[in-house]
C-alpha atoms as a PDB file:
ATOM      1  CA  MET A   1     136.772  40.460  63.871  1.00  0.00           C
ATOM      2  CA  ILE A   2     140.138  41.684  62.900  1.00  0.00           C
ATOM      3  CA  SER A   3     140.628  43.638  66.156  1.00  0.00           C
ATOM      4  CA  LEU A   4     139.693  40.406  68.117  1.00  0.00           C
ATOM      5  CA  ILE A   5     142.355  38.423  66.285  1.00  0.00           C
ATOM      6  CA  ILE A   6     144.933  41.095  66.911  1.00  0.00           C
ATOM      7  CA  SER A   7     144.008  41.449  70.530  1.00  0.00           C
ATOM      8  CA  SER A   8     144.072  37.701  70.982  1.00  0.00           C
ATOM      9  CA  THR A   9     147.419  37.477  69.278  1.00  0.00           C
ATOM     10  CA  ILE A  10     148.907  40.181  71.500  1.00  0.00           C
ATOM     11  CA  LEU A  11     147.453  38.471  74.671  1.00  0.00           C
ATOM     12  CA  ALA A  12     148.881  35.118  73.563  1.00  0.00           C
ATOM     13  CA  LEU A  13     152.412  36.655  72.882  1.00  0.00           C
ATOM     14  CA  GLY A  14     152.203  38.450  76.278  1.00  0.00           C
ATOM     15  CA  LEU A  15     151.376  35.233  78.040  1.00  0.00           C
ATOM     16  CA  THR A  16     153.968  33.225  76.235  1.00  0.00           C
ATOM     17  CA  SER A  17     156.549  35.782  77.058  1.00  0.00           C
ATOM     18  CA  ALA A  18     155.711  35.838  80.818  1.00  0.00           C
ATOM     19  CA  VAL A  19     155.687  31.988  80.983  1.00  0.00           C
ATOM     20  CA  LEU A  20     159.119  31.868  79.179  1.00  0.00           C
ATOM     21  CA  ILE A  21     160.519  34.451  81.516  1.00  0.00           C
ATOM     22  CA  LEU A  22     159.193  32.597  84.579  1.00  0.00           C
ATOM     23  CA  VAL A  23     160.336  29.051  83.408  1.00  0.00           C
ATOM     24  CA  TYR A  24     163.878  30.396  82.651  1.00  0.00           C
ATOM     25  CA  THR A  25     163.914  32.266  85.865  1.00  0.00           C
ATOM     26  CA  ILE A  26     163.398  28.923  87.533  1.00  0.00           C
ATOM     27  CA  ILE A  27     166.000  27.172  85.386  1.00  0.00           C
ATOM     28  CA  THR A  28     168.694  29.729  85.822  1.00  0.00           C
ATOM     29  CA  GLY A  29     167.996  30.925  89.330  1.00  0.00           C
ATOM     30  CA  ILE A  30     167.479  34.613  88.345  1.00  0.00           C
ATOM     31  CA  SER A  31     165.294  36.721  86.202  1.00  0.00           C
ATOM     32  CA  PRO A  32     166.873  38.695  83.329  1.00  0.00           C
ATOM     33  CA  MET A  33     167.616  42.061  84.886  1.00  0.00           C
ATOM     34  CA  PRO A  34     169.037  44.855  82.787  1.00  0.00           C
ATOM     35  CA  THR A  35     172.199  46.561  84.063  1.00  0.00           C
ATOM     36  CA  MET A  36     171.268  49.966  85.594  1.00  0.00           C
ATOM     37  CA  PRO A  37     172.682  52.862  83.550  1.00  0.00           C
ATOM     38  CA  GLN A  38     175.024  54.022  86.310  1.00  0.00           C
ATOM     39  CA  ALA A  39     176.465  50.513  86.642  1.00  0.00           C
ATOM     40  CA  GLY A  40     176.719  50.062  82.897  1.00  0.00           C
ATOM     41  CA  LYS A  41     178.679  53.300  82.644  1.00  0.00           C
ATOM     42  CA  THR A  42     180.947  52.204  85.475  1.00  0.00           C
ATOM     43  CA  MET A  43     181.561  48.861  83.903  1.00  0.00           C
ATOM     44  CA  LEU A  44     182.327  50.500  80.549  1.00  0.00           C
ATOM     45  CA  ALA A  45     184.708  53.008  82.231  1.00  0.00           C
ATOM     46  CA  ALA A  46     186.573  50.112  83.966  1.00  0.00           C
ATOM     47  CA  ILE A  47     187.667  48.620  80.652  1.00  0.00           C
ATOM     48  CA  PRO A  48     191.000  50.104  79.724  1.00  0.00           C
ATOM     49  CA  GLU A  49     190.936  52.676  77.006  1.00  0.00           C
ATOM     50  CA  ASN A  50     192.169  51.511  73.606  1.00  0.00           C
ATOM     51  CA  PHE A  51     191.503  47.912  74.752  1.00  0.00           C
ATOM     52  CA  ASP A  52     191.776  45.373  71.959  1.00  0.00           C
ATOM     53  CA  GLY A  53     190.951  41.782  72.894  1.00  0.00           C
ATOM     54  CA  ASN A  54     188.196  39.322  73.651  1.00  0.00           C
ATOM     55  CA  ILE A  55     185.425  40.434  75.966  1.00  0.00           C
ATOM     56  CA  LEU A  56     182.809  37.978  77.243  1.00  0.00           C
ATOM     57  CA  GLU A  57     179.582  38.914  78.963  1.00  0.00           C
ATOM     58  CA  LEU A  58     178.101  36.086  81.019  1.00  0.00           C
ATOM     59  CA  GLY A  59     174.356  36.178  81.437  1.00  0.00           C
ATOM     60  CA  SER A  60     173.828  39.091  79.013  1.00  0.00           C
ATOM     61  CA  GLY A  61     170.139  39.367  79.509  1.00  0.00           C
ATOM     62  CA  TRP A  62     168.534  41.900  77.117  1.00  0.00           C
ATOM     63  CA  GLY A  63     171.917  42.715  75.620  1.00  0.00           C
ATOM     64  CA  THR A  64     172.231  46.430  76.521  1.00  0.00           C
ATOM     65  CA  LEU A  65     175.619  46.179  78.160  1.00  0.00           C
ATOM     66  CA  ALA A  66     177.112  43.853  75.436  1.00  0.00           C
ATOM     67  CA  ILE A  67     175.892  46.234  72.761  1.00  0.00           C
ATOM     68  CA  ALA A  68     177.294  49.298  74.556  1.00  0.00           C
ATOM     69  CA  VAL A  69     180.663  47.506  74.926  1.00  0.00           C
ATOM     70  CA  ALA A  70     180.716  46.489  71.303  1.00  0.00           C
ATOM     71  CA  ARG A  71     180.006  50.024  70.247  1.00  0.00           C
ATOM     72  CA  LYS A  72     182.593  51.626  72.444  1.00  0.00           C
ATOM     73  CA  PHE A  73     185.262  49.052  71.562  1.00  0.00           C
ATOM     74  CA  PRO A  74     184.755  48.338  67.833  1.00  0.00           C
ATOM     75  CA  TYR A  75     188.058  46.481  67.431  1.00  0.00           C
ATOM     76  CA  CYS A  76     187.313  44.048  70.216  1.00  0.00           C
ATOM     77  CA  HIS A  77     185.621  40.736  69.799  1.00  0.00           C
ATOM     78  CA  VAL A  78     182.596  40.747  72.201  1.00  0.00           C
ATOM     79  CA  THR A  79     180.756  37.592  72.887  1.00  0.00           C
ATOM     80  CA  ALA A  80     177.575  37.425  75.062  1.00  0.00           C
ATOM     81  CA  TYR A  81     175.848  34.425  76.415  1.00  0.00           C
ATOM     82  CA  GLU A  82     172.285  34.278  77.601  1.00  0.00           C
ATOM     83  CA  LEU A  83     170.223  31.154  78.113  1.00  0.00           C
ATOM     84  CA  SER A  84     166.648  32.620  78.444  1.00  0.00           C
ATOM     85  CA  PRO A  85     165.118  32.704  74.952  1.00  0.00           C
ATOM     86  CA  LEU A  86     163.163  35.974  75.080  1.00  0.00           C
ATOM     87  CA  PRO A  87     166.037  38.230  76.304  1.00  0.00           C
ATOM     88  CA  TRP A  88     168.350  36.382  73.805  1.00  0.00           C
ATOM     89  CA  LEU A  89     165.900  37.084  70.990  1.00  0.00           C
ATOM     90  CA  ILE A  90     165.485  40.741  71.996  1.00  0.00           C
ATOM     91  CA  SER A  91     169.314  41.260  72.245  1.00  0.00           C
ATOM     92  CA  HIS A  92     169.739  39.749  68.806  1.00  0.00           C
ATOM     93  CA  CYS A  93     167.157  42.309  67.375  1.00  0.00           C
ATOM     94  CA  LEU A  94     168.986  45.168  69.187  1.00  0.00           C
ATOM     95  CA  ARG A  95     172.333  43.901  67.867  1.00  0.00           C
ATOM     96  CA  PHE A  96     170.998  43.988  64.355  1.00  0.00           C
ATOM     97  CA  LEU A  97     169.473  47.450  64.694  1.00  0.00           C
ATOM     98  CA  MET A  98     172.556  48.920  66.329  1.00  0.00           C
ATOM     99  CA  ARG A  99     174.725  47.211  63.661  1.00  0.00           C
ATOM    100  CA  THR A 100     177.362  45.826  66.097  1.00  0.00           C
ATOM    101  CA  SER A 101     179.218  43.415  63.838  1.00  0.00           C
ATOM    102  CA  ASN A 102     181.951  42.687  66.398  1.00  0.00           C
ATOM    103  CA  LEU A 103     179.304  41.320  68.830  1.00  0.00           C
ATOM    104  CA  LYS A 104     178.186  37.643  68.818  1.00  0.00           C
ATOM    105  CA  ILE A 105     175.248  36.577  71.020  1.00  0.00           C
ATOM    106  CA  TYR A 106     174.797  32.840  71.812  1.00  0.00           C
ATOM    107  CA  ARG A 107     171.967  31.185  73.572  1.00  0.00           C
ATOM    108  CA  ARG A 108     174.072  28.872  75.830  1.00  0.00           C
ATOM    109  CA  ASN A 109     174.747  28.081  79.372  1.00  0.00           C
ATOM    110  CA  PHE A 110     177.978  29.972  80.117  1.00  0.00           C
ATOM    111  CA  THR A 111     179.068  27.368  82.664  1.00  0.00           C
ATOM    112  CA  LYS A 112     179.526  24.918  79.765  1.00  0.00           C
ATOM    113  CA  ILE A 113     181.780  27.122  77.624  1.00  0.00           C
ATOM    114  CA  SER A 114     185.577  27.687  77.745  1.00  0.00           C
ATOM    115  CA  LEU A 115     186.746  30.845  79.202  1.00  0.00           C
ATOM    116  CA  THR A 116     190.334  30.246  78.176  1.00  0.00           C
ATOM    117  CA  ASP A 117     190.353  33.041  75.353  1.00  0.00           C
ATOM    118  CA  ALA A 118     188.755  35.733  77.539  1.00  0.00           C
ATOM    119  CA  ASP A 119     190.683  38.991  78.202  1.00  0.00           C
ATOM    120  CA  ILE A 120     187.831  40.610  80.085  1.00  0.00           C
ATOM    121  CA  ILE A 121     184.704  39.085  81.660  1.00  0.00           C
ATOM    122  CA  LEU A 122     181.642  41.103  82.403  1.00  0.00           C
ATOM    123  CA  CYS A 123     178.864  39.726  84.582  1.00  0.00           C
ATOM    124  CA  TYR A 124     175.670  40.754  86.565  1.00  0.00           C
ATOM    125  CA  LEU A 125     174.635  37.514  88.122  1.00  0.00           C
ATOM    126  CA  PHE A 126     173.823  36.268  91.671  1.00  0.00           C
ATOM    127  CA  PRO A 127     175.918  34.701  94.506  1.00  0.00           C
ATOM    128  CA  GLU A 128     175.245  31.013  93.609  1.00  0.00           C
ATOM    129  CA  ALA A 129     176.402  31.779  89.988  1.00  0.00           C
ATOM    130  CA  MET A 130     179.520  33.548  91.226  1.00  0.00           C
ATOM    131  CA  LYS A 131     180.440  30.534  93.265  1.00  0.00           C
ATOM    132  CA  THR A 132     180.225  28.321  90.255  1.00  0.00           C
ATOM    133  CA  LEU A 133     182.151  30.859  88.169  1.00  0.00           C
ATOM    134  CA  LYS A 134     184.925  31.267  90.803  1.00  0.00           C
ATOM    135  CA  ASN A 135     185.866  27.592  90.163  1.00  0.00           C
ATOM    136  CA  LYS A 136     185.885  28.119  86.312  1.00  0.00           C
ATOM    137  CA  PHE A 137     187.842  31.331  86.798  1.00  0.00           C
ATOM    138  CA  ASP A 138     190.483  29.465  88.920  1.00  0.00           C
ATOM    139  CA  LYS A 139     190.801  26.704  86.338  1.00  0.00           C
ATOM    140  CA  GLU A 140     190.379  28.385  83.005  1.00  0.00           C
ATOM    141  CA  LEU A 141     191.374  32.073  83.041  1.00  0.00           C
ATOM    142  CA  LYS A 142     194.926  33.067  82.040  1.00  0.00           C
ATOM    143  CA  PRO A 143     196.761  35.396  84.278  1.00  0.00           C
ATOM    144  CA  GLY A 144     195.927  39.018  83.701  1.00  0.00           C
ATOM    145  CA  THR A 145     192.286  38.412  82.747  1.00  0.00           C
ATOM    146  CA  ILE A 146     189.995  41.150  84.089  1.00  0.00           C
ATOM    147  CA  ILE A 147     186.646  40.377  85.671  1.00  0.00           C
ATOM    148  CA  ILE A 148     184.180  43.175  86.185  1.00  0.00           C
ATOM    149  CA  SER A 149     181.146  42.088  88.158  1.00  0.00           C
ATOM    150  CA  ASN A 150     178.092  44.208  88.928  1.00  0.00           C
ATOM    151  CA  ALA A 151     176.773  43.866  92.451  1.00  0.00           C
ATOM    152  CA  PHE A 152     178.158  40.431  93.299  1.00  0.00           C
ATOM    153  CA  ARG A 153     181.634  39.387  94.432  1.00  0.00           C
ATOM    154  CA  VAL A 154     183.797  36.583  93.230  1.00  0.00           C
ATOM    155  CA  PRO A 155     183.923  34.365  96.470  1.00  0.00           C
ATOM    156  CA  SER A 156     187.379  34.447  98.135  1.00  0.00           C
ATOM    157  CA  TRP A 157     188.887  36.770  95.553  1.00  0.00           C
ATOM    158  CA  SER A 158     190.138  40.229  96.541  1.00  0.00           C
ATOM    159  CA  PRO A 159     188.924  42.953  94.153  1.00  0.00           C
ATOM    160  CA  GLU A 160     191.550  45.283  92.768  1.00  0.00           C
ATOM    161  CA  HIS A 161     189.030  48.047  92.921  1.00  0.00           C
ATOM    162  CA  ILE A 162     185.464  48.570  94.276  1.00  0.00           C
ATOM    163  CA  PHE A 163     183.438  51.194  92.640  1.00  0.00           C
ATOM    164  CA  ILE A 164     180.645  52.514  94.941  1.00  0.00           C
ATOM    165  CA  LEU A 165     177.429  53.385  93.014  1.00  0.00           C
ATOM    166  CA  LYS A 166     175.282  55.897  94.782  1.00  0.00           C
ATOM    167  CA  GLY A 167     171.689  56.392  94.073  1.00  0.00           C
ATOM    168  CA  LEU A 168     168.319  55.088  95.177  1.00  0.00           C
ATOM    169  CA  ILE A 169     170.026  51.723  95.853  1.00  0.00           C
ATOM    170  CA  LEU A 170     173.597  51.541  97.105  1.00  0.00           C
ATOM    171  CA  SER A 171     175.481  49.119  94.921  1.00  0.00           C
ATOM    172  CA  GLU A 172     178.899  48.167  93.957  1.00  0.00           C
ATOM    173  CA  VAL A 173     180.925  47.108  90.864  1.00  0.00           C
ATOM    174  CA  TYR A 174     183.911  44.904  91.489  1.00  0.00           C
ATOM    175  CA  LEU A 175     187.113  44.835  89.327  1.00  0.00           C
ATOM    176  CA  TYR A 176     189.292  41.731  89.628  1.00  0.00           C
ATOM    177  CA  LYS A 177     192.500  40.638  87.883  1.00  0.00           C
ATOM    178  CA  LYS A 178     193.399  36.861  87.660  1.00  0.00           C
ATOM    179  CA  TYR A 179     196.907  36.126  88.901  1.00  0.00           C
END
């Protein structure tokens, strides 16, 4: 009887998780995809050494990149935004386990927050989101703000540098600076 209850609970949690992922994939337009290790390392390396400022990750998914950034830059204020509840919850658990007190994770739509205090923005989104963000970047970012984007360009902006990631899938990380 107990094994039936445990099995039913696990099945219900699995189905609920799958439905939440599906619903929020439809709402946001993209499923929560973790940053591949090579891309994450490249994005981390693109942040200037000894950087001390405000770093925002827009669409933080499972939180792995935000946590890595917070651990590498303990004097920075790292803020991550994720709308999908399950990845947001997992990232909160990981944040607690990794003891990253300089990281705050919010379950919010990043298109509705102010970007004016950002010194660096990290993102791994999709073309439509980058179009929306381009307008926010133009209006809200202060000169000198760095944008590091995994796989997707900021429309009509010229990157300062393109990092080519070689592997099973050829990909790119774009580094921009707001002027």
